[in-house]
């Protein structure tokens, strides 16, 4: 129903019978209801505002984005309805459209994009402002995908840089090794009394070269992307093997490990070596966060119908809010001697296995890291039948 038709209708309203007026009002209500149903079906949020910024209509999607109740929001200004938006700064002088991104934390953390556009009508050759329409889209997923792509590019660049550095360091190391071998041959020609001290020095230099070469190989292995070679395995077993490997270091630092592992943990398709590397990094981070006198590290494994969860909790120094904001960035660490690669490597390995990592920390209280691994093959469980029939085996 066009505005021109409505104006003509109003002009001759006094000529209509009560029945005709009733029919026209019912038609108007019906068309309004149809448009509202269309707006409610949209996944994008729609808010209609009057010229002063008060909400006159909002659909269910908008209510969901901002945690609002429609009845309470109607008539309220946008400033009071959506935290973080200032109506005067949005509209400003003149009538113009606004396109911005917005992060909200209630009812859940989302990244939104909103488009605010004026609604104008031509009245006698002049534009009259009727209000504004605000369209809101959820861009959380696309933003996450963009961040993952940027992170992947950073990791690839880091890998190329590390490979170049390893190559440049590796060549001199090889050269030093060759020259040490030549010196060893020369030393053999010396008298036994002079030979002993030189042989000790040469052995020390040779061991240090081997150690540097080993460190380079481990560093490259840690950050070089590699497809997991998956076999059926048990995360509890991998975790226990990692603890056995770290036992001397944990004992030296006076670290007490408290295990609470689910006995019937379902088997998963995993690369045991990569998962062991992830556990190694997590446990090392945990005990290095403890005070010099030692402390406790609690390790749990749990599972449900969909995933296996490994939790590593320490009572160490915790992570500051500043570091939490850049937790997975390379070379950003809360420790002076840290490289910032540990959690980055852990997240890459877990995501390569289809899982995710979650970090909770309070400065001065400790840190909890949870690893989530999806269960690909659904388990079969017995569900109690309330009837007299025997139990049914149901796949879940």
Protein backbone atom coordinates (compact mmCIF):
# COMPACT_ATOMS: atom_id res chain seq x y z
CA UNK A 1 0.00 0.00 0.00
CA UNK A 2 1.70 3.19 -1.23
CA UNK A 3 1.96 6.45 0.73
CA UNK A 4 0.07 8.21 -2.09
CA UNK A 5 -2.86 5.85 -1.67
CA UNK A 6 -2.86 6.39 2.10
CA UNK A 7 -2.91 10.21 1.65
CA UNK A 8 -5.91 9.94 -0.68
CA UNK A 9 -7.59 7.62 1.79
CA UNK A 10 -7.14 10.08 4.67
CA UNK A 11 -8.49 12.95 2.52
CA UNK A 12 -11.79 11.11 1.89
CA UNK A 13 -11.99 9.25 5.20
CA UNK A 14 -15.12 11.16 6.24
CA UNK A 15 -16.96 9.85 3.17
CA UNK A 16 -16.42 6.19 4.05
CA UNK A 17 -18.88 4.06 5.95
CA UNK A 18 -17.83 2.46 9.24
CA UNK A 19 -17.70 -0.93 7.50
CA UNK A 20 -15.38 0.40 4.78
CA UNK A 21 -13.10 1.99 7.42
CA UNK A 22 -13.03 -1.32 9.31
CA UNK A 23 -12.05 -3.24 6.17
CA UNK A 24 -9.27 -0.76 5.35
CA UNK A 25 -7.89 -0.89 8.91
CA UNK A 26 -7.89 -4.69 8.78
CA UNK A 27 -6.01 -4.50 5.47
CA UNK A 28 -3.43 -2.15 6.98
CA UNK A 29 -2.97 -4.42 10.02
CA UNK A 30 -2.65 -7.46 7.76
CA UNK A 31 0.05 -5.82 5.63
CA UNK A 32 1.92 -4.66 8.72
CA UNK A 33 1.77 -8.20 10.12
CA UNK A 34 3.09 -9.62 6.84
CA UNK A 35 6.07 -7.23 6.85
CA UNK A 36 6.79 -8.01 10.49
CA UNK A 37 6.78 -11.74 9.71
CA UNK A 38 9.26 -11.10 6.91
CA UNK A 39 11.56 -9.17 9.25
CA UNK A 40 11.31 -11.87 11.93
CA UNK A 41 12.36 -14.51 9.40
CA UNK A 42 15.61 -12.69 8.64
CA UNK A 43 18.85 -13.86 10.25
CA UNK A 44 20.13 -10.28 10.14
CA UNK A 45 19.09 -7.94 12.91
CA UNK A 46 16.68 -5.14 11.91
CA UNK A 47 16.03 -2.07 14.07
CA UNK A 48 13.77 0.81 13.06
CA UNK A 49 14.55 4.08 14.86
CA UNK A 50 12.74 7.40 14.97
CA UNK A 51 14.61 10.64 14.10
CA UNK A 52 15.77 10.99 17.72
CA UNK A 53 17.21 7.49 17.86
CA UNK A 54 14.44 5.77 19.82
CA UNK A 55 13.65 2.17 18.88
CA UNK A 56 10.27 1.73 17.25
CA UNK A 57 10.76 -1.85 16.02
CA UNK A 58 13.35 -4.63 16.29
CA UNK A 59 13.20 -8.22 15.14
CA UNK A 60 14.13 -11.42 16.97
CA UNK A 61 17.62 -11.53 15.45
CA UNK A 62 18.43 -8.07 16.84
CA UNK A 63 17.11 -9.11 20.25
CA UNK A 64 19.39 -12.15 20.16
CA UNK A 65 22.48 -10.18 19.15
CA UNK A 66 22.14 -7.63 21.93
CA UNK A 67 20.35 -9.67 24.62
CA UNK A 68 17.19 -7.54 24.52
CA UNK A 69 13.48 -8.04 25.15
CA UNK A 70 11.36 -6.50 22.40
CA UNK A 71 8.73 -5.03 24.73
CA UNK A 72 11.34 -3.38 26.95
CA UNK A 73 13.43 -2.01 24.07
CA UNK A 74 10.58 -0.32 22.20
CA UNK A 75 10.61 3.40 22.96
CA UNK A 76 14.12 3.33 24.44
CA UNK A 77 16.96 5.30 22.85
CA UNK A 78 19.66 3.37 21.02
CA UNK A 79 22.24 4.66 23.55
CA UNK A 80 20.40 2.92 26.39
CA UNK A 81 19.57 -0.17 24.36
CA UNK A 82 22.96 -1.08 22.89
CA UNK A 83 25.99 -0.47 25.10
CA UNK A 84 28.89 1.20 23.31
CA UNK A 85 26.86 3.10 20.71
CA UNK A 86 26.48 6.86 20.93
CA UNK A 87 23.58 8.19 18.87
CA UNK A 88 24.90 11.74 18.42
CA UNK A 89 28.28 10.51 17.16
CA UNK A 90 26.60 8.07 14.76
CA UNK A 91 24.27 10.58 13.10
CA UNK A 92 26.26 13.79 13.45
CA UNK A 93 25.49 16.77 11.23
CA UNK A 94 23.59 15.97 8.05
CA UNK A 95 22.00 12.71 6.98
CA UNK A 96 24.47 10.04 6.04
CA UNK A 97 24.86 6.28 6.21
CA UNK A 98 27.21 4.60 8.69
CA UNK A 99 28.90 1.21 8.31
CA UNK A 100 30.92 -0.03 11.30
CA UNK A 101 32.06 -3.14 13.16
CA UNK A 102 31.11 -3.64 16.79
CA UNK A 103 32.20 -6.14 19.44
CA UNK A 104 29.62 -7.14 22.05
CA UNK A 105 30.18 -9.24 25.18
CA UNK A 106 26.58 -9.91 26.21
CA UNK A 107 24.75 -12.26 25.94
CA UNK A 108 27.88 -13.76 24.33
CA UNK A 109 31.05 -12.45 22.78
CA UNK A 110 30.32 -11.61 19.12
CA UNK A 111 31.68 -9.43 16.37
CA UNK A 112 28.89 -7.58 14.57
CA UNK A 113 28.73 -5.31 11.56
CA UNK A 114 25.93 -2.74 11.42
CA UNK A 115 24.70 -0.47 8.66
CA UNK A 116 22.71 2.61 9.68
CA UNK A 117 20.80 4.46 6.97
CA UNK A 118 18.29 7.35 7.14
CA UNK A 119 14.69 6.88 5.96
CA UNK A 120 13.55 9.97 4.07
CA UNK A 121 10.37 10.90 2.22
CA UNK A 122 9.85 13.58 -0.40
CA UNK A 123 7.17 15.99 0.85
CA UNK A 124 6.37 18.91 -1.47
CA UNK A 125 9.85 18.75 -3.01
CA UNK A 126 11.61 18.63 0.35
CA UNK A 127 13.14 15.60 2.04
CA UNK A 128 11.60 14.84 5.40
CA UNK A 129 13.45 12.51 7.82
CA UNK A 130 11.15 9.72 8.99
CA UNK A 131 13.76 7.83 11.00
CA UNK A 132 16.58 5.33 10.50
CA UNK A 133 16.95 1.66 9.70
CA UNK A 134 19.78 -0.32 11.26
CA UNK A 135 20.82 -3.67 9.76
CA UNK A 136 23.07 -5.90 11.90
CA UNK A 137 25.08 -8.92 10.71
CA UNK A 138 27.02 -11.47 12.76
CA UNK A 139 30.58 -11.57 11.36
CA UNK A 140 32.11 -13.63 14.21
CA UNK A 141 32.75 -16.69 12.03
CA UNK A 142 34.21 -14.78 9.09
CA UNK A 143 36.42 -12.79 11.46
CA UNK A 144 37.65 -16.00 13.07
CA UNK A 145 38.44 -17.49 9.66
CA UNK A 146 40.35 -14.33 8.74
CA UNK A 147 42.33 -14.48 11.98
CA UNK A 148 43.16 -18.14 11.35
CA UNK A 149 44.33 -17.32 7.82
CA UNK A 150 46.55 -14.51 9.15
CA UNK A 151 47.88 -16.81 11.86
CA UNK A 152 48.65 -19.48 9.26
CA UNK A 153 50.52 -16.93 7.14
CA UNK A 154 52.51 -15.83 10.20
CA UNK A 155 53.42 -19.42 10.98
CA UNK A 156 54.44 -20.07 7.38
CA UNK A 157 56.59 -16.94 7.39
CA UNK A 158 58.13 -18.02 10.68
CA UNK A 159 58.86 -21.46 9.23
CA UNK A 160 60.60 -19.95 6.19
CA UNK A 161 62.61 -17.64 8.44
CA UNK A 162 63.60 -20.50 10.73
CA UNK A 163 64.60 -22.66 7.77
CA UNK A 164 66.78 -19.85 6.42
CA UNK A 165 68.41 -19.25 9.79
CA UNK A 166 68.97 -22.97 10.30
CA UNK A 167 70.59 -23.20 6.89
CA UNK A 168 72.89 -20.25 7.59
CA UNK A 169 73.83 -21.64 11.01
CA UNK A 170 74.06 -25.22 9.77
CA UNK A 171 76.75 -24.48 7.17
CA UNK A 172 79.23 -22.98 9.70
CA UNK A 173 78.49 -25.84 12.09
CA UNK A 174 79.33 -28.39 9.40
CA UNK A 175 82.51 -26.48 8.62
CA UNK A 176 83.48 -26.42 12.29
CA UNK A 177 82.85 -30.15 12.53
CA UNK A 178 85.13 -30.85 9.57
CA UNK A 179 87.92 -28.70 11.00
CA UNK A 180 87.59 -30.39 14.38
CA UNK A 181 88.07 -33.75 12.69
CA UNK A 182 91.23 -32.42 11.02
CA UNK A 183 92.49 -31.14 14.39
CA UNK A 184 91.79 -34.52 15.96
CA UNK A 185 94.03 -36.16 13.36
CA UNK A 186 96.80 -33.67 14.06
CA UNK A 187 96.47 -34.22 17.79
CA UNK A 188 97.06 -37.92 17.34
CA UNK A 189 100.61 -37.11 16.20
CA UNK A 190 101.43 -35.29 19.47
CA UNK A 191 103.08 -36.88 22.51
CA UNK A 192 100.60 -38.51 24.93
CA UNK A 193 101.21 -35.89 27.61
CA UNK A 194 100.26 -33.00 25.35
CA UNK A 195 97.48 -34.92 23.63
CA UNK A 196 95.22 -35.45 26.67
CA UNK A 197 94.26 -31.80 27.36
CA UNK A 198 93.73 -31.04 23.69
CA UNK A 199 91.54 -34.11 23.24
CA UNK A 200 89.34 -32.96 26.17
CA UNK A 201 88.93 -29.50 24.60
CA UNK A 202 88.14 -31.01 21.21
CA UNK A 203 85.59 -33.39 22.72
CA UNK A 204 83.86 -30.48 24.46
CA UNK A 205 83.73 -28.44 21.24
CA UNK A 206 82.45 -31.46 19.29
CA UNK A 207 79.68 -32.10 21.85
CA UNK A 208 78.59 -28.46 21.75
CA UNK A 209 78.40 -28.53 17.96
CA UNK A 210 76.26 -31.67 18.11
CA UNK A 211 74.02 -30.02 20.71
CA UNK A 212 73.50 -26.94 18.52
CA UNK A 213 72.74 -29.15 15.53
CA UNK A 214 70.22 -31.10 17.59
CA UNK A 215 68.55 -27.90 18.80
CA UNK A 216 68.20 -26.63 15.23
CA UNK A 217 66.60 -29.89 14.12
CA UNK A 218 64.18 -29.88 17.05
CA UNK A 219 63.25 -26.24 16.39
CA UNK A 220 62.51 -26.93 12.73
CA UNK A 221 60.55 -30.04 13.62
CA UNK A 222 58.51 -28.05 16.12
CA UNK A 223 57.29 -25.31 13.78
CA UNK A 224 57.32 -27.02 10.39
CA UNK A 225 53.73 -27.92 9.44
CA UNK A 226 53.35 -31.68 9.08
CA UNK A 227 50.28 -33.74 8.36
CA UNK A 228 49.55 -36.02 11.33
CA UNK A 229 50.15 -39.73 10.69
CA UNK A 230 47.13 -40.97 12.59
CA UNK A 231 46.77 -44.34 14.22
CA UNK A 232 44.36 -45.55 16.86
CA UNK A 233 45.76 -44.54 20.23
CA UNK A 234 44.87 -43.57 23.78
CA UNK A 235 45.51 -40.05 25.07
CA UNK A 236 46.06 -41.30 28.63
CA UNK A 237 48.88 -43.54 27.43
CA UNK A 238 50.50 -40.70 25.43
CA UNK A 239 50.21 -38.45 28.47
CA UNK A 240 51.84 -41.02 30.77
CA UNK A 241 54.70 -41.53 28.28
CA UNK A 242 55.27 -37.75 28.22
CA UNK A 243 55.35 -37.61 32.01
CA UNK A 244 57.93 -40.41 32.06
CA UNK A 245 60.07 -38.39 29.65
CA UNK A 246 59.77 -35.27 31.82
CA UNK A 247 60.16 -37.06 35.17
CA UNK A 248 63.79 -35.96 35.81
CA UNK A 249 62.99 -32.29 35.11
CA UNK A 250 59.82 -32.40 37.25
CA UNK A 251 61.73 -33.96 40.15
CA UNK A 252 64.52 -31.41 39.83
CA UNK A 253 62.02 -28.52 40.03
CA UNK A 254 60.10 -30.14 42.93
CA UNK A 255 56.88 -30.42 40.92
CA UNK A 256 54.09 -32.69 42.17
CA UNK A 257 51.89 -34.20 39.45
CA UNK A 258 48.30 -35.08 40.39
CA UNK A 259 46.61 -37.38 37.87
CA UNK A 260 42.85 -37.87 37.55
CA UNK A 261 42.45 -39.83 34.34
CA UNK A 262 39.26 -41.47 33.08
CA UNK A 263 39.77 -45.24 33.04
CA UNK A 264 37.63 -45.99 29.99
CA UNK A 265 38.85 -43.15 27.76
CA UNK A 266 37.79 -43.94 24.16
CA UNK A 267 40.55 -44.52 21.59
CA UNK A 268 41.17 -41.76 19.04
CA UNK A 269 42.85 -41.51 15.66
CA UNK A 270 45.96 -39.51 16.49
CA UNK A 271 49.62 -38.93 15.75
CA UNK A 272 51.19 -40.02 19.03
CA UNK A 273 54.47 -38.17 18.40
CA UNK A 274 52.74 -34.85 17.68
CA UNK A 275 50.38 -35.20 20.66
CA UNK A 276 53.37 -36.04 22.87
CA UNK A 277 55.03 -32.85 21.66
CA UNK A 278 51.88 -30.85 22.54
CA UNK A 279 51.73 -32.40 26.03
CA UNK A 280 55.46 -31.77 26.48
CA UNK A 281 55.03 -28.05 25.73
CA UNK A 282 51.97 -27.75 27.99
CA UNK A 283 53.61 -29.47 30.96
CA UNK A 284 56.82 -27.51 30.53
CA UNK A 285 54.84 -24.24 30.49
CA UNK A 286 52.98 -25.39 33.62
CA UNK A 287 56.01 -26.20 35.76
CA UNK A 288 57.98 -23.18 34.53
CA UNK A 289 55.13 -20.96 35.79
CA UNK A 290 55.55 -22.39 39.32
CA UNK A 291 57.67 -20.63 41.95
CA UNK A 292 61.27 -21.71 42.47
CA UNK A 293 60.27 -23.87 45.44
CA UNK A 294 58.01 -26.00 43.24
CA UNK A 295 54.27 -26.52 43.18
CA UNK A 296 51.40 -28.67 41.93
CA UNK A 297 50.20 -29.56 38.45
CA UNK A 298 46.80 -31.25 38.13
CA UNK A 299 46.06 -33.27 35.00
CA UNK A 300 42.60 -34.60 34.17
CA UNK A 301 41.08 -36.51 31.29
CA UNK A 302 37.33 -36.62 30.71
CA UNK A 303 35.04 -37.48 27.83
CA UNK A 304 31.44 -37.30 26.72
CA UNK A 305 29.60 -38.51 23.64
CA UNK A 306 31.30 -35.97 21.38
CA UNK A 307 34.82 -35.24 22.62
CA UNK A 308 37.73 -36.05 24.89
CA UNK A 309 38.95 -33.23 27.14
CA UNK A 310 42.46 -33.06 28.61
CA UNK A 311 42.94 -30.44 31.33
CA UNK A 312 46.31 -29.21 32.69
CA UNK A 313 46.06 -26.88 35.71
CA UNK A 314 48.89 -25.28 37.67
CA UNK A 315 48.99 -23.03 40.73
CA UNK A 316 51.70 -20.80 39.31
CA UNK A 317 52.02 -17.13 38.55
CA UNK A 318 49.19 -17.04 36.01
CA UNK A 319 49.08 -14.96 32.84
CA UNK A 320 48.63 -11.19 32.79
CA UNK A 321 45.76 -9.69 30.71
CA UNK A 322 48.32 -8.07 28.40
CA UNK A 323 49.93 -11.40 27.57
CA UNK A 324 46.53 -13.16 27.29
CA UNK A 325 45.65 -10.81 24.44
CA UNK A 326 48.62 -12.06 22.38
CA UNK A 327 48.85 -15.58 23.77
CA UNK A 328 49.28 -17.35 20.44
CA UNK A 329 51.57 -14.85 18.74
CA UNK A 330 55.13 -16.05 18.10
CA UNK A 331 57.92 -14.57 20.23
CA UNK A 332 55.39 -13.08 22.69
CA UNK A 333 55.92 -14.70 26.08
CA UNK A 334 55.34 -13.85 29.73
CA UNK A 335 58.78 -15.25 30.61
CA UNK A 336 62.01 -13.45 29.81
CA UNK A 337 63.55 -16.64 28.45
CA UNK A 338 60.41 -17.78 26.63
CA UNK A 339 60.09 -17.93 22.84
CA UNK A 340 56.29 -17.71 22.69
CA UNK A 341 56.22 -20.76 20.39
CA UNK A 342 54.96 -23.34 22.90
CA UNK A 343 51.21 -22.66 22.84
CA UNK A 344 51.33 -21.75 19.15
CA UNK A 345 52.70 -25.22 18.41
CA UNK A 346 50.18 -26.85 20.75
CA UNK A 347 47.24 -25.12 19.03
CA UNK A 348 48.50 -26.10 15.57
CA UNK A 349 48.80 -29.76 16.58
CA UNK A 350 45.39 -29.84 18.29
CA UNK A 351 43.68 -28.14 15.34
CA UNK A 352 45.38 -30.55 12.93
CA UNK A 353 43.57 -33.26 14.89
CA UNK A 354 40.24 -31.43 14.50
CA UNK A 355 40.25 -30.13 18.09
CA UNK A 356 40.56 -26.82 19.90
CA UNK A 357 42.42 -25.30 22.84
CA UNK A 358 41.00 -23.19 25.67
CA UNK A 359 43.07 -21.17 28.16
CA UNK A 360 41.83 -19.74 31.47
CA UNK A 361 44.15 -17.83 33.77
CA UNK A 362 44.14 -15.44 36.70
CA UNK A 363 47.32 -13.57 37.48
CA UNK A 364 48.81 -14.79 40.75
CA UNK A 365 46.42 -17.77 40.95
CA UNK A 366 47.39 -20.11 38.13
CA UNK A 367 46.44 -21.28 34.66
CA UNK A 368 44.20 -24.00 33.25
CA UNK A 369 44.60 -25.22 29.67
CA UNK A 370 42.01 -27.57 28.15
CA UNK A 371 42.47 -29.53 24.95
CA UNK A 372 39.33 -30.75 23.15
CA UNK A 373 39.62 -33.71 20.78
CA UNK A 374 36.52 -34.79 18.80
CA UNK A 375 35.40 -38.40 18.91
CA UNK A 376 35.02 -39.41 15.26
CA UNK A 377 33.57 -42.85 15.85
CA UNK A 378 30.44 -42.62 17.99
CA UNK A 379 30.35 -44.91 20.98
CA UNK A 380 27.55 -47.39 21.59
CA UNK A 381 25.82 -47.21 24.94
CA UNK A 382 22.86 -48.96 26.54
CA UNK A 383 19.78 -46.88 27.21
CA UNK A 384 17.36 -48.09 29.85
CA UNK A 385 14.02 -49.08 28.34
CA UNK A 386 11.13 -48.00 30.53
CA UNK A 387 8.89 -50.73 29.12
CA UNK A 388 9.14 -54.43 29.86
CA UNK A 389 11.25 -54.96 26.77
CA UNK A 390 14.97 -55.73 27.16
CA UNK A 391 17.56 -52.93 26.86
CA UNK A 392 18.15 -51.54 23.40
CA UNK A 393 21.55 -50.85 21.91
CA UNK A 394 21.44 -47.37 20.44
CA UNK A 395 24.22 -45.64 18.53
CA UNK A 396 24.79 -42.08 19.69
